[in-house]
Structures are given as C-alpha cells and as structure tokens.
Amino acid sequence: MYFRNPSLLAVILALLVTLVGCSGALYAQDATASSVAKPMLPANTEPAKAEQPPSPDTTPARVPSVPPENYVIGSEDVLTVNVWREQEVSRTVQVRPDGMITLPLVGEIKALGLTPLQLQDQVTNSLKKFMADPQVTVMVTEVRSLTFNIVGQVGRPGFYPLTRSYTVLDAIAMAGGMRDFAKEKKIYVLRTQADGKQVRLKFNYKQVIKGKHPEQNIVLQPRDTLVVP
C-alpha cells in the first residue's frame, strides 16, 4: 500500500508525532503527582506511630489513715514508728499475737489495746534514756485486726472486714447463705478471750429464725470465727 499524495502522508505523520508527544507528557505528569503524594523519608527515620492510650495504673491504693486519738491497736495490725532524724531507730512492724512489738533501743513493748498516741508516748519515754528530746510518730498503716472469719458450708467462706456491727445472721447472709448440706443446728462461733482461751458460742439457725433463743444471734467481734459445719 502506498500514498499517491505526498502532502497527505506528511499530514498523517505530523499527527502521529503530536499524539506520541501528548502521551509522554501525560505519563510524566502522573509520575510527578505520585512522587508528590508519597514524599520520601530521610534516612534512618521511622514513620510516627499512632499514640497509644495510657496503661491502667496498677499501683496499690494506699490504706486510709486511722485516727490516732481513738483507734485501738489490735493483733496483726501494721504500725509505722518514725523517730525524726533517726532512721536507724524508725521501723515498720506488725503487732504479734501476744500484742507486743520490737523496736531498736526500746526492745519489746506492748501495743495491743493502746491508741497510736498512747503507744507514741510510751516509745518516746523509753527513748529518752538514749537520746535528748526524741520526736516520735506512730501510725497504723494496715488494719488487720478488724476482721472475722467464716468457714464451712457457706457460699463464700473467708475473711470479712468488720466495718460495722454484724450478727451471726448478717455474717451468714454476707457469705452467700448456707449450702444444701449445712448442719443448721450445729453452727457456732469460736471466740478467743483475753486470757488466750477459746470458747464456743452455739447458734441454732432453725430456732433463731423462728424467734426462739434470739440471744444466740450475737454481735461478732474482731478475730471471731463463724463455723458452719
């Protein structure tokens, strides 16, 4: 095939050249747009990470302070005895079952049954033999004496805080009630007396809920153990 008119052939070639040039220009424009949309990062630079929410604070909450003028120190309470400018004498101690604590220079001293202020005065007087004008502060940092224990055939046995007056019926309800095979007539409270001896205080559930022997529904005391066989 050939063209008889050379002028027509020249026009067609010119049009082809123009089309090829336009296609190249469009391709170059697309490449430029892509390079603008995705800027190059400097060397050794990482993309910024999305900000993560802060992790929950797992620091244990501090125990609220106990009024030093009227709280009575009990067995197993944790005390902080601080002597100003005398870190070697300052201590955090736990009251032993016999009611005693041990401090440097002072030795053994009874804490059970005293208020923090009373114990503070006794420690101060004892330290006056070794130093001039000791400045002593006694704080109850953990209250462990105001609890009672429930064991046996109840829904949730364990230790419970004695934050107010609880009777035996209150304690059973707090522990989720009795299980199916609980011996309702043979429940009792184990109580440790001042001389260290334990006594059993009987509680007949069936009689009490019928209004008989209401005196058996006693108010629990710290360190009592309620036994539901």
C-alpha atoms as a PDB file:
ATOM      1  CA  MET A   1       0.000   0.000   0.000  1.00  0.00           C
ATOM      2  CA  TYR A   2       1.293   3.489  -0.816  1.00  0.00           C
ATOM      3  CA  PHE A   3       0.047   7.017  -0.865  1.00  0.00           C
ATOM      4  CA  ARG A   4      -0.190   8.851  -4.199  1.00  0.00           C
ATOM      5  CA  ASN A   5      -0.411  12.225  -2.463  1.00  0.00           C
ATOM      6  CA  PRO A   6       2.822  13.099  -0.594  1.00  0.00           C
ATOM      7  CA  SER A   7       1.181  16.050   1.148  1.00  0.00           C
ATOM      8  CA  LEU A   8      -1.430  13.822   2.747  1.00  0.00           C
ATOM      9  CA  LEU A   9       1.305  11.453   4.022  1.00  0.00           C
ATOM     10  CA  ALA A  10       3.128  14.347   5.631  1.00  0.00           C
ATOM     11  CA  VAL A  11      -0.016  15.470   7.468  1.00  0.00           C
ATOM     12  CA  ILE A  12      -0.615  11.962   8.834  1.00  0.00           C
ATOM     13  CA  LEU A  13       2.983  11.671  10.110  1.00  0.00           C
ATOM     14  CA  ALA A  14       2.685  15.053  11.819  1.00  0.00           C
ATOM     15  CA  LEU A  15      -0.487  13.944  13.606  1.00  0.00           C
ATOM     16  CA  LEU A  16       1.215  10.726  14.844  1.00  0.00           C
ATOM     17  CA  VAL A  17       4.151  12.684  16.215  1.00  0.00           C
ATOM     18  CA  THR A  18       1.776  15.035  18.064  1.00  0.00           C
ATOM     19  CA  LEU A  19      -0.162  12.119  19.632  1.00  0.00           C
ATOM     20  CA  VAL A  20       3.031  10.433  20.838  1.00  0.00           C
ATOM     21  CA  GLY A  21       4.215  13.695  22.407  1.00  0.00           C
ATOM     22  CA  CYS A  22       0.941  14.217  24.284  1.00  0.00           C
ATOM     23  CA  SER A  23       1.024  10.661  25.691  1.00  0.00           C
ATOM     24  CA  GLY A  24       4.546  11.196  27.004  1.00  0.00           C
ATOM     25  CA  ALA A  25       3.557  14.445  28.677  1.00  0.00           C
ATOM     26  CA  LEU A  26       0.562  12.848  30.410  1.00  0.00           C
ATOM     27  CA  TYR A  27       2.741   9.961  31.693  1.00  0.00           C
ATOM     28  CA  ALA A  28       5.287  12.395  33.089  1.00  0.00           C
ATOM     29  CA  GLN A  29       2.512  14.378  34.848  1.00  0.00           C
ATOM     30  CA  ASP A  30       1.152  11.207  36.537  1.00  0.00           C
ATOM     31  CA  ALA A  31       4.634  10.260  37.729  1.00  0.00           C
ATOM     32  CA  THR A  32       5.140  13.748  39.215  1.00  0.00           C
ATOM     33  CA  ALA A  33       1.790  13.569  41.056  1.00  0.00           C
ATOM     34  CA  SER A  34       2.700  10.178  42.544  1.00  0.00           C
ATOM     35  CA  SER A  35       6.020  11.471  43.820  1.00  0.00           C
ATOM     36  CA  VAL A  36       4.254  14.427  45.500  1.00  0.00           C
ATOM     37  CA  ALA A  37       1.611  12.206  47.157  1.00  0.00           C
ATOM     38  CA  LYS A  38       4.270   9.937  48.710  1.00  0.00           C
ATOM     39  CA  PRO A  39       7.171  12.060  49.954  1.00  0.00           C
ATOM     40  CA  MET A  40      10.466  10.350  50.601  1.00  0.00           C
ATOM     41  CA  LEU A  41      11.506   9.947  54.255  1.00  0.00           C
ATOM     42  CA  PRO A  42      15.009  10.924  55.367  1.00  0.00           C
ATOM     43  CA  ALA A  43      17.418   8.099  56.055  1.00  0.00           C
ATOM     44  CA  ASN A  44      17.156   6.396  59.493  1.00  0.00           C
ATOM     45  CA  THR A  45      13.740   7.948  60.084  1.00  0.00           C
ATOM     46  CA  GLU A  46      10.786   5.740  61.090  1.00  0.00           C
ATOM     47  CA  PRO A  47       7.177   6.717  60.480  1.00  0.00           C
ATOM     48  CA  ALA A  48       5.468   8.159  63.523  1.00  0.00           C
ATOM     49  CA  LYS A  49       3.472   5.536  65.418  1.00  0.00           C
ATOM     50  CA  ALA A  50      -0.091   6.112  66.490  1.00  0.00           C
ATOM     51  CA  GLU A  51      -0.341   7.318  70.082  1.00  0.00           C
ATOM     52  CA  GLN A  52      -1.407   4.503  72.408  1.00  0.00           C
ATOM     53  CA  PRO A  53      -3.772   5.103  75.353  1.00  0.00           C
ATOM     54  CA  PRO A  54      -2.013   5.093  78.741  1.00  0.00           C
ATOM     55  CA  SER A  55      -1.944   1.754  80.550  1.00  0.00           C
ATOM     56  CA  PRO A  56      -4.046   1.490  83.698  1.00  0.00           C
ATOM     57  CA  ASP A  57      -2.343   2.357  86.965  1.00  0.00           C
ATOM     58  CA  THR A  58      -1.644  -0.863  88.855  1.00  0.00           C
ATOM     59  CA  THR A  59      -0.115   0.830  91.904  1.00  0.00           C
ATOM     60  CA  PRO A  60      -1.864  -0.480  95.023  1.00  0.00           C
ATOM     61  CA  ALA A  61      -4.072   2.069  96.700  1.00  0.00           C
ATOM     62  CA  ARG A  62      -2.778   3.432  99.987  1.00  0.00           C
ATOM     63  CA  VAL A  63      -4.563   2.428 103.163  1.00  0.00           C
ATOM     64  CA  PRO A  64      -6.547   5.340 104.610  1.00  0.00           C
ATOM     65  CA  SER A  65      -5.037   6.789 107.762  1.00  0.00           C
ATOM     66  CA  VAL A  66      -6.550   5.740 111.081  1.00  0.00           C
ATOM     67  CA  PRO A  67      -7.482   8.423 113.657  1.00  0.00           C
ATOM     68  CA  PRO A  68      -4.609   8.198 116.175  1.00  0.00           C
ATOM     69  CA  GLU A  69      -6.654   9.515 119.110  1.00  0.00           C
ATOM     70  CA  ASN A  70      -9.360   6.828 119.321  1.00  0.00           C
ATOM     71  CA  TYR A  71      -8.357   3.787 117.258  1.00  0.00           C
ATOM     72  CA  VAL A  72      -7.385   0.832 119.458  1.00  0.00           C
ATOM     73  CA  ILE A  73      -4.464  -1.174 118.087  1.00  0.00           C
ATOM     74  CA  GLY A  74      -5.219  -4.837 117.564  1.00  0.00           C
ATOM     75  CA  SER A  75      -3.301  -8.026 116.908  1.00  0.00           C
ATOM     76  CA  GLU A  76      -1.670  -8.248 113.449  1.00  0.00           C
ATOM     77  CA  ASP A  77      -2.109  -4.518 112.741  1.00  0.00           C
ATOM     78  CA  VAL A  78       0.890  -2.997 110.927  1.00  0.00           C
ATOM     79  CA  LEU A  79       2.429   0.078 112.574  1.00  0.00           C
ATOM     80  CA  THR A  80       4.973   2.605 111.349  1.00  0.00           C
ATOM     81  CA  VAL A  81       7.058   4.058 114.167  1.00  0.00           C
ATOM     82  CA  ASN A  82       9.025   7.044 112.916  1.00  0.00           C
ATOM     83  CA  VAL A  83      11.688   8.811 115.010  1.00  0.00           C
ATOM     84  CA  TRP A  84      12.645  12.152 113.482  1.00  0.00           C
ATOM     85  CA  ARG A  85      16.212  12.186 112.148  1.00  0.00           C
ATOM     86  CA  GLU A  86      16.775   8.684 113.499  1.00  0.00           C
ATOM     87  CA  GLN A  87      16.217   6.345 110.555  1.00  0.00           C
ATOM     88  CA  GLU A  88      18.093   3.508 112.266  1.00  0.00           C
ATOM     89  CA  VAL A  89      15.527   3.512 115.041  1.00  0.00           C
ATOM     90  CA  SER A  90      12.434   4.001 112.854  1.00  0.00           C
ATOM     91  CA  ARG A  91      10.636   0.817 111.890  1.00  0.00           C
ATOM     92  CA  THR A  92       7.501  -0.638 110.289  1.00  0.00           C
ATOM     93  CA  VAL A  93       6.386  -3.533 112.481  1.00  0.00           C
ATOM     94  CA  GLN A  94       3.447  -5.904 112.843  1.00  0.00           C
ATOM     95  CA  VAL A  95       1.750  -6.454 116.176  1.00  0.00           C
ATOM     96  CA  ARG A  96       2.373 -10.048 117.214  1.00  0.00           C
ATOM     97  CA  PRO A  97      -0.426 -12.326 118.510  1.00  0.00           C
ATOM     98  CA  ASP A  98       0.847 -11.665 122.047  1.00  0.00           C
ATOM     99  CA  GLY A  99       0.268  -7.938 121.499  1.00  0.00           C
ATOM    100  CA  MET A 100       3.953  -6.977 121.533  1.00  0.00           C
ATOM    101  CA  ILE A 101       6.227  -5.211 119.044  1.00  0.00           C
ATOM    102  CA  THR A 102      10.018  -4.946 118.978  1.00  0.00           C
ATOM    103  CA  LEU A 103      11.906  -1.693 118.318  1.00  0.00           C
ATOM    104  CA  PRO A 104      15.618  -0.802 118.332  1.00  0.00           C
ATOM    105  CA  LEU A 105      16.826   0.561 121.705  1.00  0.00           C
ATOM    106  CA  VAL A 106      13.324   0.208 123.145  1.00  0.00           C
ATOM    107  CA  GLY A 107      13.165  -3.583 122.882  1.00  0.00           C
ATOM    108  CA  GLU A 108       9.784  -5.239 123.358  1.00  0.00           C
ATOM    109  CA  ILE A 109       6.824  -3.032 124.160  1.00  0.00           C
ATOM    110  CA  LYS A 110       3.105  -3.774 124.342  1.00  0.00           C
ATOM    111  CA  ALA A 111       0.987  -2.206 121.596  1.00  0.00           C
ATOM    112  CA  LEU A 112      -2.243  -4.223 121.859  1.00  0.00           C
ATOM    113  CA  GLY A 113      -5.104  -2.256 123.396  1.00  0.00           C
ATOM    114  CA  LEU A 114      -3.385   1.137 123.089  1.00  0.00           C
ATOM    115  CA  THR A 115      -4.190   4.011 120.776  1.00  0.00           C
ATOM    116  CA  PRO A 116      -1.409   5.193 118.455  1.00  0.00           C
ATOM    117  CA  LEU A 117      -0.986   8.305 120.606  1.00  0.00           C
ATOM    118  CA  GLN A 118      -0.627   6.241 123.792  1.00  0.00           C
ATOM    119  CA  LEU A 119       1.967   3.982 122.176  1.00  0.00           C
ATOM    120  CA  GLN A 120       3.724   7.066 120.824  1.00  0.00           C
ATOM    121  CA  ASP A 121       4.089   8.443 124.367  1.00  0.00           C
ATOM    122  CA  GLN A 122       5.454   5.142 125.689  1.00  0.00           C
ATOM    123  CA  VAL A 123       8.039   4.859 122.913  1.00  0.00           C
ATOM    124  CA  THR A 124       9.064   8.490 123.496  1.00  0.00           C
ATOM    125  CA  ASN A 125       9.610   7.906 127.225  1.00  0.00           C
ATOM    126  CA  SER A 126      11.662   4.771 126.528  1.00  0.00           C
ATOM    127  CA  LEU A 127      13.914   6.571 124.012  1.00  0.00           C
ATOM    128  CA  LYS A 128      14.638   9.446 126.413  1.00  0.00           C
ATOM    129  CA  LYS A 129      17.140   7.120 128.101  1.00  0.00           C
ATOM    130  CA  PHE A 130      19.222   7.112 124.894  1.00  0.00           C
ATOM    131  CA  MET A 131      18.635  10.477 123.208  1.00  0.00           C
ATOM    132  CA  ALA A 132      17.563  14.002 124.062  1.00  0.00           C
ATOM    133  CA  ASP A 133      14.022  15.061 123.142  1.00  0.00           C
ATOM    134  CA  PRO A 134      13.066  12.241 120.712  1.00  0.00           C
ATOM    135  CA  GLN A 135      10.295  13.165 118.271  1.00  0.00           C
ATOM    136  CA  VAL A 136       8.181  10.016 117.749  1.00  0.00           C
ATOM    137  CA  THR A 137       5.195   9.447 115.452  1.00  0.00           C
ATOM    138  CA  VAL A 138       3.151   6.220 115.436  1.00  0.00           C
ATOM    139  CA  MET A 139       0.799   5.477 112.528  1.00  0.00           C
ATOM    140  CA  VAL A 140      -1.412   2.476 111.762  1.00  0.00           C
ATOM    141  CA  THR A 141      -0.595   1.728 108.118  1.00  0.00           C
ATOM    142  CA  GLU A 142      -2.607  -1.513 107.780  1.00  0.00           C
ATOM    143  CA  VAL A 143      -5.666  -2.526 109.781  1.00  0.00           C
ATOM    144  CA  ARG A 144      -5.710  -6.312 110.009  1.00  0.00           C
ATOM    145  CA  SER A 145      -7.371  -6.817 113.372  1.00  0.00           C
ATOM    146  CA  LEU A 146     -10.903  -5.688 112.469  1.00  0.00           C
ATOM    147  CA  THR A 147     -11.907  -8.832 110.583  1.00  0.00           C
ATOM    148  CA  PHE A 148     -13.841 -12.041 111.224  1.00  0.00           C
ATOM    149  CA  ASN A 149     -13.664 -15.396 109.516  1.00  0.00           C
ATOM    150  CA  ILE A 150     -16.410 -17.660 108.121  1.00  0.00           C
ATOM    151  CA  VAL A 151     -15.610 -21.303 107.379  1.00  0.00           C
ATOM    152  CA  GLY A 152     -17.570 -24.378 106.362  1.00  0.00           C
ATOM    153  CA  GLN A 153     -20.751 -24.850 104.375  1.00  0.00           C
ATOM    154  CA  VAL A 154     -21.413 -21.323 103.130  1.00  0.00           C
ATOM    155  CA  GLY A 155     -21.354 -19.857  99.651  1.00  0.00           C
ATOM    156  CA  ARG A 156     -18.255 -17.675 100.103  1.00  0.00           C
ATOM    157  CA  PRO A 157     -16.086 -18.663 103.086  1.00  0.00           C
ATOM    158  CA  GLY A 158     -13.184 -16.406 104.051  1.00  0.00           C
ATOM    159  CA  PHE A 159     -12.186 -13.274 105.970  1.00  0.00           C
ATOM    160  CA  TYR A 160     -14.555 -10.297 106.057  1.00  0.00           C
ATOM    161  CA  PRO A 161     -13.958  -6.729 107.296  1.00  0.00           C
ATOM    162  CA  LEU A 162     -15.771  -5.794 110.479  1.00  0.00           C
ATOM    163  CA  THR A 163     -16.701  -2.304 109.327  1.00  0.00           C
ATOM    164  CA  ARG A 164     -19.884  -2.170 111.466  1.00  0.00           C
ATOM    165  CA  SER A 165     -21.865  -4.388 113.835  1.00  0.00           C
ATOM    166  CA  TYR A 166     -22.679  -7.750 112.282  1.00  0.00           C
ATOM    167  CA  THR A 167     -24.710 -10.519 113.894  1.00  0.00           C
ATOM    168  CA  VAL A 168     -24.330 -14.199 113.057  1.00  0.00           C
ATOM    169  CA  LEU A 169     -27.318 -13.988 110.699  1.00  0.00           C
ATOM    170  CA  ASP A 170     -25.759 -10.953 108.999  1.00  0.00           C
ATOM    171  CA  ALA A 171     -22.498 -12.829 108.503  1.00  0.00           C
ATOM    172  CA  ILE A 172     -24.202 -15.890 107.000  1.00  0.00           C
ATOM    173  CA  ALA A 173     -26.095 -13.699 104.537  1.00  0.00           C
ATOM    174  CA  MET A 174     -22.889 -11.812 103.681  1.00  0.00           C
ATOM    175  CA  ALA A 175     -21.174 -15.114 102.894  1.00  0.00           C
ATOM    176  CA  GLY A 176     -23.843 -16.093 100.374  1.00  0.00           C
ATOM    177  CA  GLY A 177     -26.028 -18.180 102.672  1.00  0.00           C
ATOM    178  CA  MET A 178     -25.676 -21.801 103.693  1.00  0.00           C
ATOM    179  CA  ARG A 179     -25.177 -24.713 101.327  1.00  0.00           C
ATOM    180  CA  ASP A 180     -27.670 -27.552 100.978  1.00  0.00           C
ATOM    181  CA  PHE A 181     -25.960 -29.934 103.391  1.00  0.00           C
ATOM    182  CA  ALA A 182     -25.096 -27.423 106.132  1.00  0.00           C
ATOM    183  CA  LYS A 183     -25.927 -28.563 109.658  1.00  0.00           C
ATOM    184  CA  GLU A 184     -28.121 -25.644 110.654  1.00  0.00           C
ATOM    185  CA  LYS A 185     -28.486 -26.734 114.291  1.00  0.00           C
ATOM    186  CA  LYS A 186     -24.747 -27.089 114.962  1.00  0.00           C
ATOM    187  CA  ILE A 187     -23.384 -23.700 113.941  1.00  0.00           C
ATOM    188  CA  TYR A 188     -21.066 -21.994 116.457  1.00  0.00           C
ATOM    189  CA  VAL A 189     -18.738 -19.027 116.912  1.00  0.00           C
ATOM    190  CA  LEU A 190     -15.154 -19.527 118.064  1.00  0.00           C
ATOM    191  CA  ARG A 191     -14.040 -16.568 120.194  1.00  0.00           C
ATOM    192  CA  THR A 192     -10.625 -16.003 121.763  1.00  0.00           C
ATOM    193  CA  GLN A 193     -10.828 -14.460 125.218  1.00  0.00           C
ATOM    194  CA  ALA A 194      -8.370 -12.032 126.797  1.00  0.00           C
ATOM    195  CA  ASP A 195      -6.538 -14.882 128.541  1.00  0.00           C
ATOM    196  CA  GLY A 196      -5.994 -16.653 125.178  1.00  0.00           C
ATOM    197  CA  LYS A 197      -8.600 -19.376 125.734  1.00  0.00           C
ATOM    198  CA  GLN A 198     -11.181 -20.135 123.045  1.00  0.00           C
ATOM    199  CA  VAL A 199     -14.879 -20.554 123.787  1.00  0.00           C
ATOM    200  CA  ARG A 200     -17.691 -21.952 121.642  1.00  0.00           C
ATOM    201  CA  LEU A 201     -20.854 -19.896 121.327  1.00  0.00           C
ATOM    202  CA  LYS A 202     -23.648 -22.065 119.930  1.00  0.00           C
ATOM    203  CA  PHE A 203     -26.052 -20.893 117.260  1.00  0.00           C
ATOM    204  CA  ASN A 204     -29.135 -22.889 116.196  1.00  0.00           C
ATOM    205  CA  TYR A 205     -30.262 -21.362 112.909  1.00  0.00           C
ATOM    206  CA  LYS A 206     -33.700 -23.012 112.864  1.00  0.00           C
ATOM    207  CA  GLN A 207     -34.530 -21.826 116.369  1.00  0.00           C
ATOM    208  CA  VAL A 208     -33.341 -18.253 115.796  1.00  0.00           C
ATOM    209  CA  ILE A 209     -35.312 -17.684 112.590  1.00  0.00           C
ATOM    210  CA  LYS A 210     -38.439 -18.924 114.415  1.00  0.00           C
ATOM    211  CA  GLY A 211     -37.909 -16.342 117.144  1.00  0.00           C
ATOM    212  CA  LYS A 212     -36.572 -18.788 119.717  1.00  0.00           C
ATOM    213  CA  HIS A 213     -33.355 -18.042 121.645  1.00  0.00           C
ATOM    214  CA  PRO A 214     -32.637 -14.696 119.933  1.00  0.00           C
ATOM    215  CA  GLU A 215     -29.704 -14.273 122.352  1.00  0.00           C
ATOM    216  CA  GLN A 216     -27.796 -16.785 120.198  1.00  0.00           C
ATOM    217  CA  ASN A 217     -27.687 -14.245 117.371  1.00  0.00           C
ATOM    218  CA  ILE A 218     -24.702 -12.473 118.940  1.00  0.00           C
ATOM    219  CA  VAL A 219     -22.790  -9.498 117.558  1.00  0.00           C
ATOM    220  CA  LEU A 220     -19.458 -10.659 116.139  1.00  0.00           C
ATOM    221  CA  GLN A 221     -16.179  -9.340 117.483  1.00  0.00           C
ATOM    222  CA  PRO A 222     -12.787  -8.919 115.777  1.00  0.00           C
ATOM    223  CA  ARG A 223     -10.999 -12.246 115.203  1.00  0.00           C
ATOM    224  CA  ASP A 224     -14.193 -14.294 115.695  1.00  0.00           C
ATOM    225  CA  THR A 225     -14.529 -17.415 113.542  1.00  0.00           C
ATOM    226  CA  LEU A 226     -18.017 -18.462 112.481  1.00  0.00           C
ATOM    227  CA  VAL A 227     -18.146 -22.212 111.796  1.00  0.00           C
ATOM    228  CA  VAL A 228     -20.966 -23.674 109.669  1.00  0.00           C
ATOM    229  CA  PRO A 229     -20.429 -27.480 109.650  1.00  0.00           C
END
